[in-house]
PDB file of N, CA and C in Angstrom:
ATOM      1  N   MET A   1       1.388  21.954   6.519  1.00  0.00           N
ATOM      2  CA  MET A   1       2.420  20.751   5.883  1.00  0.00           C
ATOM      3  C   MET A   1       2.186  19.887   7.588  1.00  0.00           C
ATOM      4  N   ARG A   2       2.196  18.754   7.838  1.00  0.00           N
ATOM      5  CA  ARG A   2       2.172  17.935   9.145  1.00  0.00           C
ATOM      6  C   ARG A   2       3.425  17.400   9.193  1.00  0.00           C
ATOM      7  N   THR A   3       4.522  17.912  10.224  1.00  0.00           N
ATOM      8  CA  THR A   3       5.736  17.718  10.096  1.00  0.00           C
ATOM      9  C   THR A   3       6.226  16.170  11.250  1.00  0.00           C
ATOM     10  N   ASN A   4       4.800  16.334  12.120  1.00  0.00           N
ATOM     11  CA  ASN A   4       5.107  15.135  13.339  1.00  0.00           C
ATOM     12  C   ASN A   4       4.294  13.935  13.060  1.00  0.00           C
ATOM     13  N   ILE A   5       4.702  12.922  12.692  1.00  0.00           N
ATOM     14  CA  ILE A   5       4.066  11.603  11.930  1.00  0.00           C
ATOM     15  C   ILE A   5       4.458  10.440  12.648  1.00  0.00           C
ATOM     16  N   ARG A   6       3.451   9.800  13.363  1.00  0.00           N
ATOM     17  CA  ARG A   6       3.773   8.836  14.531  1.00  0.00           C
ATOM     18  C   ARG A   6       3.978   7.509  13.712  1.00  0.00           C
ATOM     19  N   LEU A   7       5.025   6.921  13.757  1.00  0.00           N
ATOM     20  CA  LEU A   7       5.551   5.920  13.499  1.00  0.00           C
ATOM     21  C   LEU A   7       5.044   4.661  14.138  1.00  0.00           C
ATOM     22  N   THR A   8       3.430   4.357  13.977  1.00  0.00           N
ATOM     23  CA  THR A   8       2.956   3.136  14.329  1.00  0.00           C
ATOM     24  C   THR A   8       2.950   2.055  13.789  1.00  0.00           C
ATOM     25  N   THR A   9       2.430   0.636  14.343  1.00  0.00           N
ATOM     26  CA  THR A   9       2.973  -0.404  13.347  1.00  0.00           C
ATOM     27  C   THR A   9       2.401  -0.536  12.173  1.00  0.00           C
ATOM     28  N   PRO A  10       1.210   0.218  12.244  1.00  0.00           N
ATOM     29  CA  PRO A  10       0.169  -0.009  10.567  1.00  0.00           C
ATOM     30  C   PRO A  10       1.361   0.971   9.541  1.00  0.00           C
ATOM     31  N   THR A  11       1.720   2.221  10.196  1.00  0.00           N
ATOM     32  CA  THR A  11       2.271   2.889   9.437  1.00  0.00           C
ATOM     33  C   THR A  11       3.702   2.647   8.857  1.00  0.00           C
ATOM     34  N   ILE A  12       4.365   1.698   9.613  1.00  0.00           N
ATOM     35  CA  ILE A  12       5.719   1.528   9.455  1.00  0.00           C
ATOM     36  C   ILE A  12       5.399   0.148   8.399  1.00  0.00           C
ATOM     37  N   ALA A  13       4.351  -0.792   8.416  1.00  0.00           N
ATOM     38  CA  ALA A  13       4.010  -1.518   7.195  1.00  0.00           C
ATOM     39  C   ALA A  13       3.614  -0.797   6.350  1.00  0.00           C
ATOM     40  N   ILE A  14       3.252   0.020   6.205  1.00  0.00           N
ATOM     41  CA  ILE A  14       2.759   0.966   4.840  1.00  0.00           C
ATOM     42  C   ILE A  14       4.115   1.514   4.372  1.00  0.00           C
ATOM     43  N   LEU A  15       4.971   2.068   5.038  1.00  0.00           N
ATOM     44  CA  LEU A  15       6.062   2.712   4.445  1.00  0.00           C
ATOM     45  C   LEU A  15       7.309   1.162   4.074  1.00  0.00           C
ATOM     46  N   LYS A  16       7.051   0.275   4.855  1.00  0.00           N
ATOM     47  CA  LYS A  16       7.286  -1.059   4.184  1.00  0.00           C
ATOM     48  C   LYS A  16       7.316  -1.471   2.846  1.00  0.00           C
ATOM     49  N   ALA A  17       5.984  -1.087   2.630  1.00  0.00           N
ATOM     50  CA  ALA A  17       5.383  -1.688   1.221  1.00  0.00           C
ATOM     51  C   ALA A  17       5.603  -0.806   0.163  1.00  0.00           C
ATOM     52  N   LEU A  18       5.239   0.403   0.273  1.00  0.00           N
ATOM     53  CA  LEU A  18       6.011   1.556  -0.430  1.00  0.00           C
ATOM     54  C   LEU A  18       7.732   1.371  -0.590  1.00  0.00           C
ATOM     55  N   LEU A  19       8.338   1.046  -0.001  1.00  0.00           N
ATOM     56  CA  LEU A  19      10.041   0.673  -0.213  1.00  0.00           C
ATOM     57  C   LEU A  19       9.889  -0.205  -1.002  1.00  0.00           C
ATOM     58  N   SER A  20       9.084  -1.424  -1.054  1.00  0.00           N
ATOM     59  CA  SER A  20       9.276  -2.358  -1.707  1.00  0.00           C
ATOM     60  C   SER A  20       8.524  -2.689  -3.029  1.00  0.00           C
ATOM     61  N   ALA A  21       8.034  -1.519  -3.421  1.00  0.00           N
ATOM     62  CA  ALA A  21       7.016  -0.965  -4.741  1.00  0.00           C
ATOM     63  C   ALA A  21       8.147  -0.648  -5.549  1.00  0.00           C
ATOM     64  N   THR A  22       8.220  -1.261  -6.712  1.00  0.00           N
ATOM     65  CA  THR A  22       9.236  -0.764  -8.326  1.00  0.00           C
ATOM     66  C   THR A  22       8.167   0.059  -8.980  1.00  0.00           C
ATOM     67  N   GLY A  23       9.371   0.565  -9.650  1.00  0.00           N
ATOM     68  CA  GLY A  23       8.339   1.476 -10.967  1.00  0.00           C
ATOM     69  C   GLY A  23       7.804   0.482 -11.912  1.00  0.00           C
ATOM     70  N   GLU A  24       8.410  -0.744 -12.150  1.00  0.00           N
ATOM     71  CA  GLU A  24       7.590  -1.693 -12.848  1.00  0.00           C
ATOM     72  C   GLU A  24       6.103  -2.112 -12.062  1.00  0.00           C
ATOM     73  N   ALA A  25       6.184  -1.924 -10.932  1.00  0.00           N
ATOM     74  CA  ALA A  25       4.906  -2.301 -10.532  1.00  0.00           C
ATOM     75  C   ALA A  25       4.658  -1.525  -9.418  1.00  0.00           C
ATOM     76  N   PRO A  26       4.297  -0.175  -9.446  1.00  0.00           N
ATOM     77  CA  PRO A  26       4.066   0.745  -8.642  1.00  0.00           C
ATOM     78  C   PRO A  26       2.798   0.230  -7.464  1.00  0.00           C
ATOM     79  N   ALA A  27       3.137   1.138  -5.900  1.00  0.00           N
ATOM     80  CA  ALA A  27       2.083   0.706  -5.442  1.00  0.00           C
ATOM     81  C   ALA A  27       0.622   1.605  -5.540  1.00  0.00           C
ATOM     82  N   TRP A  28      -0.269   0.716  -5.158  1.00  0.00           N
ATOM     83  CA  TRP A  28      -1.612   0.892  -5.570  1.00  0.00           C
ATOM     84  C   TRP A  28      -2.641   0.859  -4.071  1.00  0.00           C
ATOM     85  N   GLY A  29      -3.695   1.281  -3.697  1.00  0.00           N
ATOM     86  CA  GLY A  29      -4.171   0.739  -2.669  1.00  0.00           C
ATOM     87  C   GLY A  29      -4.384  -0.936  -2.148  1.00  0.00           C
ATOM     88  N   LEU A  30      -4.708  -1.381  -3.239  1.00  0.00           N
ATOM     89  CA  LEU A  30      -5.282  -2.775  -2.813  1.00  0.00           C
ATOM     90  C   LEU A  30      -4.009  -3.528  -2.813  1.00  0.00           C
ATOM     91  N   THR A  31      -2.656  -3.230  -3.289  1.00  0.00           N
ATOM     92  CA  THR A  31      -1.700  -3.956  -3.417  1.00  0.00           C
ATOM     93  C   THR A  31      -0.691  -3.819  -2.084  1.00  0.00           C
ATOM     94  N   ILE A  32      -1.230  -2.685  -1.387  1.00  0.00           N
ATOM     95  CA  ILE A  32      -0.580  -1.822  -0.348  1.00  0.00           C
ATOM     96  C   ILE A  32      -1.422  -2.606   1.040  1.00  0.00           C
ATOM     97  N   CYS A  33      -2.662  -2.615   0.894  1.00  0.00           N
ATOM     98  CA  CYS A  33      -3.494  -3.615   1.929  1.00  0.00           C
ATOM     99  C   CYS A  33      -2.906  -4.872   1.827  1.00  0.00           C
ATOM    100  N   ARG A  34      -2.761  -5.273   0.942  1.00  0.00           N
ATOM    101  CA  ARG A  34      -2.457  -6.900   0.951  1.00  0.00           C
ATOM    102  C   ARG A  34      -0.904  -7.058   1.454  1.00  0.00           C
ATOM    103  N   ASP A  35       0.388  -6.263   1.029  1.00  0.00           N
ATOM    104  CA  ASP A  35       1.544  -6.221   1.642  1.00  0.00           C
ATOM    105  C   ASP A  35       1.615  -5.865   3.266  1.00  0.00           C
ATOM    106  N   ALA A  36       0.800  -4.749   3.190  1.00  0.00           N
ATOM    107  CA  ALA A  36       0.944  -4.263   4.666  1.00  0.00           C
ATOM    108  C   ALA A  36      -0.325  -5.009   5.631  1.00  0.00           C
ATOM    109  N   GLY A  37      -0.749  -5.967   5.196  1.00  0.00           N
ATOM    110  CA  GLY A  37      -1.903  -6.719   6.041  1.00  0.00           C
ATOM    111  C   GLY A  37      -3.022  -5.710   6.429  1.00  0.00           C
ATOM    112  N   LEU A  38      -3.234  -4.956   6.013  1.00  0.00           N
ATOM    113  CA  LEU A  38      -4.068  -3.959   6.679  1.00  0.00           C
ATOM    114  C   LEU A  38      -5.240  -3.465   5.769  1.00  0.00           C
ATOM    115  N   GLY A  39      -6.320  -3.083   6.367  1.00  0.00           N
ATOM    116  CA  GLY A  39      -8.089  -2.909   6.157  1.00  0.00           C
ATOM    117  C   GLY A  39      -7.587  -1.481   5.000  1.00  0.00           C
ATOM    118  N   PRO A  40      -8.903  -1.296   4.008  1.00  0.00           N
ATOM    119  CA  PRO A  40      -8.648   0.137   3.731  1.00  0.00           C
ATOM    120  C   PRO A  40      -9.298   1.222   4.788  1.00  0.00           C
ATOM    121  N   GLY A  41      -9.946   1.062   5.572  1.00  0.00           N
ATOM    122  CA  GLY A  41     -10.119   1.621   6.583  1.00  0.00           C
ATOM    123  C   GLY A  41      -8.720   1.956   7.726  1.00  0.00           C
ATOM    124  N   THR A  42      -7.911   1.415   7.625  1.00  0.00           N
ATOM    125  CA  THR A  42      -6.810   1.537   8.312  1.00  0.00           C
ATOM    126  C   THR A  42      -5.768   2.588   7.083  1.00  0.00           C
ATOM    127  N   LEU A  43      -5.675   1.789   6.063  1.00  0.00           N
ATOM    128  CA  LEU A  43      -4.816   2.288   5.179  1.00  0.00           C
ATOM    129  C   LEU A  43      -5.017   4.114   4.705  1.00  0.00           C
ATOM    130  N   TYR A  44      -6.332   4.110   4.119  1.00  0.00           N
ATOM    131  CA  TYR A  44      -6.396   5.114   3.670  1.00  0.00           C
ATOM    132  C   TYR A  44      -6.016   6.450   4.547  1.00  0.00           C
ATOM    133  N   PRO A  45      -6.837   6.720   5.593  1.00  0.00           N
ATOM    134  CA  PRO A  45      -6.400   7.994   6.698  1.00  0.00           C
ATOM    135  C   PRO A  45      -4.636   8.086   6.771  1.00  0.00           C
ATOM    136  N   ILE A  46      -3.878   6.898   6.947  1.00  0.00           N
ATOM    137  CA  ILE A  46      -2.738   6.819   7.041  1.00  0.00           C
ATOM    138  C   ILE A  46      -1.747   7.169   5.804  1.00  0.00           C
ATOM    139  N   LEU A  47      -2.513   7.026   4.791  1.00  0.00           N
ATOM    140  CA  LEU A  47      -1.654   7.648   3.323  1.00  0.00           C
ATOM    141  C   LEU A  47      -1.875   9.026   3.418  1.00  0.00           C
ATOM    142  N   ASP A  48      -3.225   9.321   3.815  1.00  0.00           N
ATOM    143  CA  ASP A  48      -3.518  10.736   3.804  1.00  0.00           C
ATOM    144  C   ASP A  48      -2.848  11.281   4.751  1.00  0.00           C
ATOM    145  N   ARG A  49      -2.363  10.996   5.814  1.00  0.00           N
ATOM    146  CA  ARG A  49      -1.739  11.960   6.920  1.00  0.00           C
ATOM    147  C   ARG A  49      -0.196  11.931   5.899  1.00  0.00           C
ATOM    148  N   LEU A  50       0.393  10.733   5.505  1.00  0.00           N
ATOM    149  CA  LEU A  50       1.746  10.662   4.822  1.00  0.00           C
ATOM    150  C   LEU A  50       1.939  11.715   3.763  1.00  0.00           C
ATOM    151  N   ALA A  51       1.031  12.098   2.901  1.00  0.00           N
ATOM    152  CA  ALA A  51       0.741  12.971   1.805  1.00  0.00           C
ATOM    153  C   ALA A  51       0.509  14.250   2.112  1.00  0.00           C
ATOM    154  N   GLU A  52      -0.124  14.479   3.679  1.00  0.00           N
ATOM    155  CA  GLU A  52       0.051  15.938   4.073  1.00  0.00           C
ATOM    156  C   GLU A  52       1.191  16.347   4.667  1.00  0.00           C
ATOM    157  N   GLY A  53       1.716  15.301   5.121  1.00  0.00           N
ATOM    158  CA  GLY A  53       3.242  15.279   5.499  1.00  0.00           C
ATOM    159  C   GLY A  53       4.246  15.401   4.901  1.00  0.00           C
ATOM    160  N   GLY A  54       4.097  15.169   3.580  1.00  0.00           N
ATOM    161  CA  GLY A  54       4.875  15.854   2.828  1.00  0.00           C
ATOM    162  C   GLY A  54       6.182  14.302   2.587  1.00  0.00           C
ATOM    163  N   TRP A  55       5.909  13.036   3.264  1.00  0.00           N
ATOM    164  CA  TRP A  55       6.173  11.846   2.906  1.00  0.00           C
ATOM    165  C   TRP A  55       6.082  10.940   1.316  1.00  0.00           C
ATOM    166  N   ILE A  56       4.904  10.900   1.216  1.00  0.00           N
ATOM    167  CA  ILE A  56       4.543  10.536  -0.179  1.00  0.00           C
ATOM    168  C   ILE A  56       3.994  11.114  -1.073  1.00  0.00           C
ATOM    169  N   THR A  57       4.120  11.025  -2.586  1.00  0.00           N
ATOM    170  CA  THR A  57       3.404  11.673  -3.583  1.00  0.00           C
ATOM    171  C   THR A  57       2.369  10.454  -4.187  1.00  0.00           C
ATOM    172  N   SER A  58       1.292  10.697  -4.742  1.00  0.00           N
ATOM    173  CA  SER A  58       0.340   9.953  -5.445  1.00  0.00           C
ATOM    174  C   SER A  58       0.039  10.559  -6.773  1.00  0.00           C
ATOM    175  N   TYR A  59      -0.409   9.691  -7.733  1.00  0.00           N
ATOM    176  CA  TYR A  59      -0.666  10.221  -8.853  1.00  0.00           C
ATOM    177  C   TYR A  59      -1.828   9.058  -9.416  1.00  0.00           C
ATOM    178  N   THR A  60      -2.500   9.315 -10.567  1.00  0.00           N
ATOM    179  CA  THR A  60      -3.825   8.788 -10.893  1.00  0.00           C
ATOM    180  C   THR A  60      -3.549   8.069 -11.977  1.00  0.00           C
ATOM    181  N   GLY A  61      -3.423   6.642 -12.300  1.00  0.00           N
ATOM    182  CA  GLY A  61      -2.953   5.833 -13.218  1.00  0.00           C
ATOM    183  C   GLY A  61      -3.882   6.334 -14.820  1.00  0.00           C
ATOM    184  N   THR A  62      -3.045   5.881 -15.548  1.00  0.00           N
ATOM    185  CA  THR A  62      -3.735   6.364 -17.085  1.00  0.00           C
ATOM    186  C   THR A  62      -4.290   5.155 -17.778  1.00  0.00           C
ATOM    187  N   GLY A  63      -4.215   4.179 -17.253  1.00  0.00           N
ATOM    188  CA  GLY A  63      -4.342   2.906 -18.060  1.00  0.00           C
ATOM    189  C   GLY A  63      -6.051   2.592 -18.279  1.00  0.00           C
ATOM    190  N   PRO A  64      -6.403   1.695 -18.791  1.00  0.00           N
ATOM    191  CA  PRO A  64      -7.761   1.683 -19.119  1.00  0.00           C
ATOM    192  C   PRO A  64      -8.721   1.299 -17.770  1.00  0.00           C
ATOM    193  N   HIS A  65      -9.575   1.459 -17.446  1.00  0.00           N
ATOM    194  CA  HIS A  65     -10.097   1.194 -16.357  1.00  0.00           C
ATOM    195  C   HIS A  65     -11.788   1.207 -16.247  1.00  0.00           C
ATOM    196  N   PRO A  66     -12.279   0.272 -17.601  1.00  0.00           N
ATOM    197  CA  PRO A  66     -13.900   0.455 -17.786  1.00  0.00           C
ATOM    198  C   PRO A  66     -14.446  -0.078 -16.410  1.00  0.00           C
ATOM    199  N   GLY A  67     -15.236   0.906 -16.152  1.00  0.00           N
ATOM    200  CA  GLY A  67     -16.183   0.508 -15.188  1.00  0.00           C
ATOM    201  C   GLY A  67     -15.934   0.627 -13.844  1.00  0.00           C
ATOM    202  N   ARG A  68     -14.743   0.826 -13.584  1.00  0.00           N
ATOM    203  CA  ARG A  68     -14.213   1.625 -11.981  1.00  0.00           C
ATOM    204  C   ARG A  68     -13.258   2.880 -12.172  1.00  0.00           C
ATOM    205  N   PRO A  69     -12.951   3.645 -11.246  1.00  0.00           N
ATOM    206  CA  PRO A  69     -12.425   4.395 -11.064  1.00  0.00           C
ATOM    207  C   PRO A  69     -11.123   3.798 -11.480  1.00  0.00           C
ATOM    208  N   ALA A  70      -9.994   5.197 -11.621  1.00  0.00           N
ATOM    209  CA  ALA A  70      -9.073   4.888 -11.993  1.00  0.00           C
ATOM    210  C   ALA A  70      -7.830   4.592 -10.709  1.00  0.00           C
ATOM    211  N   ARG A  71      -7.195   4.099 -10.989  1.00  0.00           N
ATOM    212  CA  ARG A  71      -6.312   3.713  -9.754  1.00  0.00           C
ATOM    213  C   ARG A  71      -5.291   4.828  -9.362  1.00  0.00           C
ATOM    214  N   ARG A  72      -5.079   4.893  -8.102  1.00  0.00           N
ATOM    215  CA  ARG A  72      -4.366   6.099  -7.269  1.00  0.00           C
ATOM    216  C   ARG A  72      -3.111   5.031  -7.022  1.00  0.00           C
ATOM    217  N   PHE A  73      -1.810   5.571  -7.937  1.00  0.00           N
ATOM    218  CA  PHE A  73      -0.695   5.196  -7.200  1.00  0.00           C
ATOM    219  C   PHE A  73       0.144   6.129  -6.173  1.00  0.00           C
ATOM    220  N   TYR A  74       1.065   5.155  -5.207  1.00  0.00           N
ATOM    221  CA  TYR A  74       1.650   5.854  -4.161  1.00  0.00           C
ATOM    222  C   TYR A  74       2.874   5.895  -4.302  1.00  0.00           C
ATOM    223  N   GLU A  75       4.063   6.560  -3.794  1.00  0.00           N
ATOM    224  CA  GLU A  75       5.332   6.365  -3.941  1.00  0.00           C
ATOM    225  C   GLU A  75       5.837   7.649  -2.552  1.00  0.00           C
ATOM    226  N   LEU A  76       7.097   7.028  -2.390  1.00  0.00           N
ATOM    227  CA  LEU A  76       7.752   7.856  -1.267  1.00  0.00           C
ATOM    228  C   LEU A  76       8.494   8.872  -2.085  1.00  0.00           C
ATOM    229  N   ALA A  77       8.134  10.009  -1.191  1.00  0.00           N
ATOM    230  CA  ALA A  77       9.067  11.212  -1.328  1.00  0.00           C
ATOM    231  C   ALA A  77      10.175  11.279  -0.810  1.00  0.00           C
ATOM    232  N   GLY A  78      11.231  12.169  -1.391  1.00  0.00           N
ATOM    233  CA  GLY A  78      12.542  11.921  -0.686  1.00  0.00           C
ATOM    234  C   GLY A  78      12.571  12.098   0.919  1.00  0.00           C
ATOM    235  N   SER A  79      11.422  13.176   1.407  1.00  0.00           N
ATOM    236  CA  SER A  79      11.672  12.986   2.855  1.00  0.00           C
ATOM    237  C   SER A  79      11.022  11.633   3.515  1.00  0.00           C
ATOM    238  N   GLY A  80      10.145  10.802   2.743  1.00  0.00           N
ATOM    239  CA  GLY A  80       9.630   9.929   3.307  1.00  0.00           C
ATOM    240  C   GLY A  80      10.672   8.508   3.341  1.00  0.00           C
ATOM    241  N   ARG A  81      11.889   9.088   2.398  1.00  0.00           N
ATOM    242  CA  ARG A  81      12.836   7.654   2.477  1.00  0.00           C
ATOM    243  C   ARG A  81      13.592   8.145   3.533  1.00  0.00           C
TER     244      ARG A  81
END
């Protein structure tokens, strides 16, 4: 488990987007990209590092998704808050 996470400007933007997400509207990739002002090439490596460090958790959505992969939702873990 990675414990040393660099708090760069993009990382902080992602954390802010995750903090503003609610249970009614959980954060998923496209919404985090939009809210943080980042592209997917920047977003997903940071999400991977945050998950590896135990700062966030993720789960796959169960709603219908014909013709596309299921959405992956992200939320802050206790240590991420």
